[in-house]
Protein backbone atom coordinates (compact mmCIF):
# COMPACT_ATOMS: atom_id res chain seq x y z
CA MET A 1 -80.02 -15.87 -102.28
CA SER A 2 -76.64 -17.83 -102.97
CA GLY A 3 -74.68 -14.51 -101.82
CA SER A 4 -76.61 -13.95 -98.79
CA ARG A 5 -76.16 -17.75 -97.66
CA GLU A 6 -72.31 -17.22 -98.06
CA ILE A 7 -72.49 -13.90 -96.13
CA ARG A 8 -74.28 -15.73 -93.45
CA THR A 9 -71.93 -18.50 -93.36
CA LYS A 10 -69.08 -15.95 -92.88
CA ILE A 11 -70.90 -14.03 -90.28
CA HIS A 12 -71.57 -17.50 -88.05
CA SER A 13 -67.64 -18.10 -88.86
CA VAL A 14 -66.66 -14.85 -87.42
CA LYS A 15 -69.02 -15.15 -84.62
CA ASN A 16 -67.29 -18.52 -83.43
CA THR A 17 -63.68 -16.89 -83.81
CA GLN A 18 -64.96 -13.75 -81.78
CA LYS A 19 -66.00 -15.99 -78.97
CA ILE A 20 -62.81 -17.82 -78.99
CA THR A 21 -60.88 -14.63 -78.99
CA ARG A 22 -63.01 -13.43 -75.95
CA ALA A 23 -62.53 -16.51 -73.97
CA MET A 24 -58.70 -16.33 -74.83
CA GLU A 25 -58.75 -12.65 -73.47
CA LEU A 26 -60.32 -13.72 -70.12
CA VAL A 27 -57.97 -16.41 -69.53
CA ALA A 28 -54.85 -14.26 -70.22
CA ALA A 29 -56.37 -11.86 -67.87
CA SER A 30 -56.66 -14.39 -65.01
CA LYS A 31 -53.20 -15.79 -65.70
CA MET A 32 -51.65 -12.17 -65.80
CA ARG A 33 -52.73 -11.45 -62.55
CA LYS A 34 -51.26 -14.75 -61.15
CA ALA A 35 -48.09 -13.74 -63.22
CA ARG A 36 -47.73 -10.16 -61.77
CA ASP A 37 -48.13 -11.59 -58.21
CA ARG A 38 -45.15 -14.05 -58.97
CA MET A 39 -43.22 -11.13 -60.60
CA GLU A 40 -43.97 -8.57 -57.51
CA GLU A 41 -42.82 -11.25 -55.25
CA ALA A 42 -39.41 -12.06 -57.17
CA ARG A 43 -38.62 -8.22 -57.64
CA PRO A 44 -37.69 -7.48 -53.96
CA TYR A 45 -35.07 -10.23 -53.84
CA ALA A 46 -33.68 -9.34 -57.26
CA VAL A 47 -33.47 -5.69 -56.37
CA HIS A 48 -31.81 -6.19 -52.82
CA ALA A 49 -29.22 -8.73 -54.44
CA LYS A 50 -28.44 -5.90 -56.94
CA ASN A 51 -27.97 -3.40 -54.18
CA ILE A 52 -25.63 -5.64 -52.55
CA ILE A 53 -23.75 -6.32 -55.56
CA ALA A 54 -23.68 -2.39 -56.23
CA HIS A 55 -22.19 -1.77 -52.70
CA ILE A 56 -19.51 -4.60 -53.37
CA THR A 57 -18.58 -2.92 -56.84
CA ARG A 58 -18.05 0.44 -55.06
CA ALA A 59 -16.59 -0.70 -52.17
CA SER A 60 -12.74 -1.33 -51.29
CA MET A 61 -12.73 -4.75 -51.77
CA GLU A 62 -10.02 -7.08 -49.97
CA TYR A 63 -10.56 -9.69 -53.26
CA LEU A 64 -11.03 -8.69 -56.65
CA HIS A 65 -13.23 -11.51 -58.12
CA PRO A 66 -12.83 -12.75 -61.62
CA TYR A 67 -16.46 -11.70 -62.41
CA PHE A 68 -15.43 -7.92 -61.56
CA GLN A 69 -12.67 -7.84 -64.15
CA LYS A 70 -12.86 -6.67 -67.63
CA ARG A 71 -11.76 -8.36 -70.32
CA GLU A 72 -11.21 -7.89 -74.32
CA VAL A 73 -14.39 -9.17 -75.79
CA LYS A 74 -13.54 -11.55 -78.36
CA ARG A 75 -16.43 -13.84 -77.70
CA ALA A 76 -20.01 -12.62 -76.25
CA GLY A 77 -22.60 -14.49 -74.63
CA ILE A 78 -26.14 -13.56 -74.93
CA ILE A 79 -29.08 -15.08 -72.99
CA VAL A 80 -32.53 -14.27 -74.55
CA ILE A 81 -35.80 -14.75 -72.73
CA SER A 82 -38.94 -15.20 -74.74
CA THR A 83 -42.22 -16.79 -74.78
CA ASP A 84 -43.21 -20.48 -75.44
CA ARG A 85 -46.35 -19.67 -76.89
CA GLY A 86 -47.52 -17.04 -79.57
CA LEU A 87 -50.58 -15.06 -79.91
CA CYS A 88 -49.11 -12.31 -78.12
CA GLY A 89 -48.62 -9.45 -80.50
CA GLY A 90 -45.21 -8.17 -81.26
CA LEU A 91 -43.73 -8.96 -77.78
CA ASN A 92 -41.26 -11.52 -79.11
CA ILE A 93 -40.65 -9.90 -82.38
CA ASN A 94 -39.63 -6.58 -80.77
CA LEU A 95 -37.28 -8.38 -78.48
CA PHE A 96 -35.52 -10.28 -81.34
CA LYS A 97 -35.07 -7.01 -83.26
CA ALA A 98 -33.00 -5.62 -80.23
CA VAL A 99 -31.20 -8.93 -79.92
CA VAL A 100 -30.62 -9.10 -83.84
CA LYS A 101 -29.28 -5.37 -83.75
CA ALA A 102 -27.02 -6.36 -80.75
CA ILE A 103 -25.65 -9.27 -82.66
CA GLN A 104 -24.90 -7.48 -85.76
CA GLN A 105 -22.89 -5.02 -83.67
CA TYR A 106 -20.76 -7.77 -82.25
CA GLN A 107 -20.18 -9.36 -85.67
CA ALA A 108 -19.28 -5.80 -87.05
CA ASP A 109 -16.65 -5.61 -84.37
CA LYS A 110 -15.61 -9.33 -85.24
CA VAL A 111 -16.89 -10.73 -82.07
CA GLU A 112 -18.13 -14.39 -81.95
CA VAL A 113 -21.53 -14.79 -80.55
CA ASN A 114 -22.92 -17.71 -78.38
CA LEU A 115 -26.40 -17.74 -77.36
CA CYS A 116 -28.57 -19.14 -74.61
CA LEU A 117 -32.16 -19.39 -75.65
CA ILE A 118 -35.10 -19.54 -73.13
CA GLY A 119 -38.25 -19.95 -74.60
CA VAL A 120 -39.77 -22.08 -77.43
CA LYS A 121 -40.07 -19.10 -79.67
CA ALA A 122 -36.53 -17.67 -79.32
CA GLU A 123 -35.17 -21.27 -80.06
CA SER A 124 -37.30 -21.49 -83.16
CA PHE A 125 -36.15 -17.99 -84.50
CA PHE A 126 -32.32 -17.76 -83.75
CA LYS A 127 -31.48 -21.51 -84.46
CA ARG A 128 -32.31 -20.57 -88.32
CA LEU A 129 -29.88 -17.38 -87.83
CA SER A 130 -26.35 -17.66 -89.38
CA GLY A 131 -23.27 -16.55 -87.75
CA VAL A 132 -24.24 -17.58 -84.07
CA ASN A 133 -23.66 -20.53 -81.93
CA VAL A 134 -26.58 -22.00 -79.65
CA ILE A 135 -24.82 -23.44 -76.83
CA SER A 136 -27.87 -23.96 -74.20
CA ALA A 137 -31.50 -23.77 -74.50
CA ALA A 138 -34.58 -24.15 -72.17
CA ASN A 139 -38.35 -23.58 -72.14
CA PHE A 140 -41.05 -23.64 -69.35
CA HIS A 141 -44.11 -24.88 -70.29
CA ASN A 142 -45.19 -24.69 -66.60
CA GLY A 143 -44.46 -21.49 -65.22
CA ASP A 144 -44.49 -22.80 -61.43
CA ASP A 145 -41.27 -24.57 -62.46
CA ALA A 146 -39.60 -21.73 -64.18
CA LEU A 147 -36.37 -21.51 -61.82
CA ALA A 148 -35.88 -25.13 -62.33
CA SER A 149 -36.17 -25.06 -65.99
CA ILE A 150 -33.64 -22.41 -66.53
CA THR A 151 -31.06 -23.28 -64.20
CA GLY A 152 -29.11 -25.77 -66.21
CA ALA A 153 -28.92 -23.34 -69.34
CA VAL A 154 -27.81 -20.37 -67.34
CA THR A 155 -25.25 -22.65 -65.62
CA VAL A 156 -23.71 -23.41 -69.08
CA MET A 157 -23.27 -19.63 -69.75
CA ILE A 158 -21.80 -18.74 -66.47
CA GLU A 159 -19.25 -22.01 -66.64
CA ALA A 160 -18.48 -20.72 -70.08
CA PHE A 161 -17.51 -17.26 -68.57
CA ASP A 162 -15.46 -19.17 -66.10
CA ASN A 163 -13.64 -21.18 -68.72
CA GLY A 164 -12.95 -18.10 -70.89
CA THR A 165 -15.15 -19.45 -73.72
CA ILE A 166 -17.09 -15.86 -73.55
CA ASP A 167 -15.77 -12.77 -72.22
CA GLU A 168 -18.99 -10.96 -71.79
CA LEU A 169 -22.52 -12.23 -71.11
CA ASP A 170 -25.70 -9.91 -71.57
CA LEU A 171 -29.45 -10.90 -70.73
CA PHE A 172 -32.42 -9.66 -73.04
CA SER A 173 -35.97 -9.68 -71.80
CA ASN A 174 -38.96 -7.88 -72.00
CA LYS A 175 -39.59 -5.51 -68.80
CA PHE A 176 -43.32 -5.02 -67.56
CA VAL A 177 -43.99 -1.31 -67.39
CA ASN A 178 -47.77 -1.79 -67.36
CA THR A 179 -50.54 -3.70 -68.63
CA ILE A 180 -50.70 -2.19 -72.12
CA ARG A 181 -46.80 -1.53 -72.40
CA GLN A 182 -43.76 -3.81 -72.26
CA GLU A 183 -40.13 -2.82 -73.14
CA PRO A 184 -37.37 -5.15 -74.45
CA THR A 185 -34.23 -4.45 -72.24
CA LYS A 186 -30.33 -5.30 -72.19
CA GLU A 187 -28.71 -5.75 -69.20
CA GLN A 188 -25.04 -6.64 -68.71
CA LEU A 189 -24.62 -9.73 -66.43
CA LEU A 190 -20.68 -10.39 -66.70
CA PRO A 191 -18.40 -8.76 -66.06
CA ILE A 192 -20.36 -6.90 -63.46
CA ALA A 193 -19.98 -3.25 -63.89
CA GLU A 194 -19.95 -0.71 -61.33
CA MET A 195 -23.74 -0.16 -60.16
CA HIS A 196 -25.35 2.65 -58.34
CA ASP A 197 -27.71 2.23 -55.40
CA GLU A 198 -29.23 5.59 -55.12
CA LYS A 199 -30.52 4.70 -51.25
CA ALA A 200 -27.17 3.68 -50.39
CA GLU A 201 -25.22 6.91 -51.77
CA GLU A 202 -24.70 8.48 -48.70
CA ASN A 203 -23.27 5.31 -46.71
CA MET A 204 -21.14 4.52 -49.99
CA ALA A 205 -18.90 7.87 -49.30
CA ALA A 206 -16.55 5.96 -47.02
CA ARG A 207 -16.42 2.88 -49.80
CA TRP A 208 -16.27 0.48 -46.78
CA ASP A 209 -16.19 -3.52 -47.57
CA TYR A 210 -18.05 -6.26 -45.87
CA ILE A 211 -16.41 -8.65 -43.43
CA TYR A 212 -16.51 -12.06 -45.32
CA GLU A 213 -16.85 -15.27 -43.18
CA PRO A 214 -15.18 -17.90 -44.07
CA GLY A 215 -13.49 -15.83 -46.76
CA ALA A 216 -14.29 -13.21 -49.43
CA LYS A 217 -13.63 -15.77 -52.24
CA ARG A 218 -15.77 -18.52 -51.05
CA VAL A 219 -18.63 -16.03 -50.12
CA LEU A 220 -18.25 -14.28 -53.41
CA ASP A 221 -18.29 -17.55 -55.59
CA VAL A 222 -21.76 -18.50 -54.25
CA LEU A 223 -23.04 -15.01 -53.94
CA LEU A 224 -22.34 -13.84 -57.61
CA VAL A 225 -23.49 -16.90 -58.92
CA ARG A 226 -26.87 -16.76 -57.10
CA TYR A 227 -26.89 -13.06 -58.15
CA ILE A 228 -26.70 -13.77 -61.78
CA GLU A 229 -29.42 -16.48 -61.35
CA SER A 230 -31.72 -14.04 -59.33
CA GLN A 231 -31.54 -11.55 -62.32
CA VAL A 232 -32.32 -14.09 -65.14
CA TYR A 233 -35.15 -15.58 -62.83
CA ARG A 234 -36.56 -12.13 -62.54
CA GLY A 235 -36.28 -11.56 -66.33
CA VAL A 236 -38.19 -14.83 -66.74
CA VAL A 237 -41.06 -14.02 -64.19
CA GLU A 238 -41.56 -10.35 -65.55
CA ASN A 239 -41.27 -11.99 -69.35
CA LEU A 240 -44.22 -14.40 -68.25
CA ALA A 241 -46.28 -11.26 -66.88
CA CYS A 242 -45.51 -9.31 -70.09
CA GLU A 243 -46.70 -12.34 -72.08
CA GLN A 244 -49.98 -12.66 -70.52
CA ALA A 245 -50.51 -8.89 -70.71
CA ALA A 246 -49.59 -9.00 -74.48
CA ARG A 247 -51.76 -11.84 -75.22
CA MET A 248 -54.70 -10.15 -73.28
CA LEU A 249 -54.33 -7.17 -75.36
CA ALA A 250 -53.83 -8.83 -78.62
CA MET A 251 -56.91 -10.86 -78.15
CA LYS A 252 -58.77 -7.90 -77.11
CA ASN A 253 -58.03 -6.62 -80.24
CA ALA A 254 -58.89 -9.42 -82.26
CA THR A 255 -62.43 -9.49 -80.50
CA ASP A 256 -62.96 -5.89 -81.42
CA ASN A 257 -61.84 -6.67 -84.94
CA ALA A 258 -63.99 -9.43 -85.46
CA GLY A 259 -67.12 -7.02 -84.07
CA GLU A 260 -66.32 -4.61 -86.63
CA ILE A 261 -66.09 -7.33 -89.27
CA ILE A 262 -69.28 -8.74 -88.11
CA ASP A 263 -70.99 -5.22 -88.67
CA GLU A 264 -69.64 -4.85 -92.06
CA LEU A 265 -71.10 -8.47 -93.11
CA LYS A 266 -74.35 -7.58 -91.87
CA LEU A 267 -74.55 -4.57 -93.83
CA LYS A 268 -73.62 -6.50 -96.91
CA TYR A 269 -76.03 -8.99 -96.04
CA ASN A 270 -78.76 -6.44 -95.56
CA LYS A 271 -77.76 -5.14 -99.17
CA ALA A 272 -77.75 -8.48 -100.71
CA ARG A 273 -80.95 -9.31 -99.11
CA GLN A 274 -82.67 -5.97 -100.16
CA ALA A 275 -81.16 -6.44 -103.88
CA VAL A 276 -82.99 -9.63 -104.12
CA ILE A 277 -86.36 -8.36 -102.58
CA THR A 278 -86.30 -5.65 -105.03
CA GLN A 279 -85.61 -7.83 -107.90
CA GLU A 280 -88.30 -10.12 -106.95
CA LEU A 281 -90.86 -7.15 -106.59
CA ALA A 282 -89.81 -5.73 -109.85
CA GLU A 283 -90.40 -9.25 -111.68
CA ILE A 284 -93.74 -9.42 -110.19
CA VAL A 285 -94.68 -5.89 -111.09
CA SER A 286 -93.33 -6.67 -114.62
CA GLY A 287 -95.46 -9.58 -114.88
CA ALA A 288 -98.78 -7.83 -113.50
CA ALA A 289 -98.06 -5.12 -116.06
CA ALA A 290 -97.77 -7.60 -119.05
CA VAL A 291 -101.22 -9.25 -118.19
């Protein structure tokens, strides 16, 4: 019965693992609801900020801010938003594949790449990657303080663009489509390209500009920095929602797989137990016949 005992031990072990994955699935589901609420609260601000910038880029501006001026790209900056923790399926690796592909394209064009890494997983992955410079990093163990956690790292990238250390700034993050679908996305933050606001297409025909007070330069200096920060923050809160959704799905799959393994082990256990009983009966019958 040694084989049966080993199978019983395995069944007990897998059941314990199944309880853990089931609990993690429920915790992720609870956190996902909170993360989605934060994401939905942050989206309108980011969308309205983007609409304002879309209007400015298409207007007849009295002052052309440096953030709107294209440069020859010799040094590129990339902000990567990942998770702090694992056990969330292929969420991070799919994003990292897209970033690595972009880095390889830059390197093929002989463009120097500088990274801003947000999240422990991005930091641990890209610090081992050759041919790139990590100039800022941040993580957010506490999702409630995400904005304060990333502001410093993002400011470093904005100042690098101001100083000419980088000529282009891109943002890579995961977009929350629905509970079972998250997509890696790329957005160019700097220089700010002309954008289109479908709701404002009719008003844009005349290409009128805003009246700036106290002045276009002072207003745009503050507004554009806030716009970039809002887009990065939106990426962070969406990535947090993606993380919990991906973890919930991964733990559900793990729980289901554990159930299948338990069923297979039970079948093996019953076969092994039946074989032992059959052998014992055969021995009894043989003994009786010999007498």
